[in-house]
Amino acid sequence: MKRETSKPRPGVEKHFDEIGFAYAHMDGEPYWDESARYVFTLREIEDDLEKATSEVDALCHELVWRIVATEEMMDRLHVPKHARDLVAESFRKCDPSLYGRFDFAYDGKGPPKLLEYNADTPTSLFESAVVQWHWLEQLIESGELPEDADQFNSLHDKLIARWEAIAPKSFVHFAAMSESVEDFGTAAYLADCATQAGCAAALLDIQDVGLNGAQFCDRDGRRIETLFKLYPWEWMFADEFSHAPAMRFTRFVEPPWKALLSNKGMLAQLWELAPGHPNLLECHFTDDPRAASLGESYARKPIYSREGANVVLIQSGRAVASAPGGYGAEGHVRQALHMLPCFDGRYPVIGSWVVGGEPAGVGIREDASPVTSNRSRFVPHAIIG
């Protein structure tokens, strides 16, 4: 694995307009950055990243079986009591998952280490599946990359196939916060994948989801039977409508059981399940006496947190990096400190995608800080050798 400078494509902004990549710049700053690229060997992809993704995904499913069998583990994750039956039933019924993203620290010299699992509302999907694939094809065509260059990226085809499997010829509503161009763009991309799979799709703001008796509906009064929602489960469970019977008459993507894996408390429970696993970092709840075994170097993470918010990296008893936010009321975990590798002053995190339980590709975000945030930049990758 290495980071190389890369020649940006001329006229790339026009290309972004053509493919509908509306958030290449966000908040006045570049988000997509093709002035650099990460290069992997095929061995690194197949033996390290793909294998780690498969193994950790399998561990996560085993963990959910354990969580839904005990109130104690639900308590540790602060799952609201009124939501627990819904969560457990959705897993026991095998309600299907569409996708998720594991975030790994990896430098090509050792096994990937799981930092967290974006199991419920992962973004950076369109740029991983489509934008960087176009980048690869065009750089091969221009001679900037060798003809046999490749990419770990089967996301687009796998997403279409997954929609065919979980919602054949269904009408699917896609809801996200329209004020977030990234969230709404992600929902629109998945709606396009579902349409290509033979589904009918409607895109709406999350606030346009209403309640009509025992059924959710859209503003046109159409019943919502299958709902993809780019809206965190913990937020939904805090809403009053989460007590409504409609919660059981709606098919959700992602399903309620994914709430257990989007919670950073699962990192501690995952370590209890498979202590010493080469792709896991030791992790404990902060009120667990075993947390002291990590000493004065660890990552302190809120049980509920998004985009790195309120994560603090402690090294030798001193905070060396942190991100602001409003999370932490439910508690924290301590995870063994494993700093992201540094390439040319940038810290990359490997987002490894899983679709329907299968590894499907990677997307890389990097930052000048070792804490990845919503302002981190996306950098494309290639496989050479």
Foldseek 3Di string as FASTA:
>chain_A
DAKAFADDDPPVVVVCVVVVVPPCDDPNHGFADARMAAEAAPCCVPVAVQVLLLVVLVLVLVLLVVCLVDVVSVVLLVDDPLCSVQLSVCVVVCQFAFKWWFKWFDDPPAHTATPAIRQAQDFPQCCFAPVLVVVVVVCCVVVVDPVPKAFLFQRLVLNLVLLCVNPNQEEEEEEEAVVDVRSQVRSVSSCVSNVVSNYHYDYDYPVQWDDDALFIAGVVRHTHAEYEYSDQPVVVSPDPCVNGNNLVRHRYHVGSNSNSRNFCQVLQVSCVVPPPDRRYWHKDFPVDPCQCVLPQFWWKAARDDPFQAQIFTTDPNRTPDHHHDDGHPSGIMTTRDDFRDAHPLKGKIWIFMDGRSGTGGIWIWIDNTSRGGPSTHTYYYIYDD
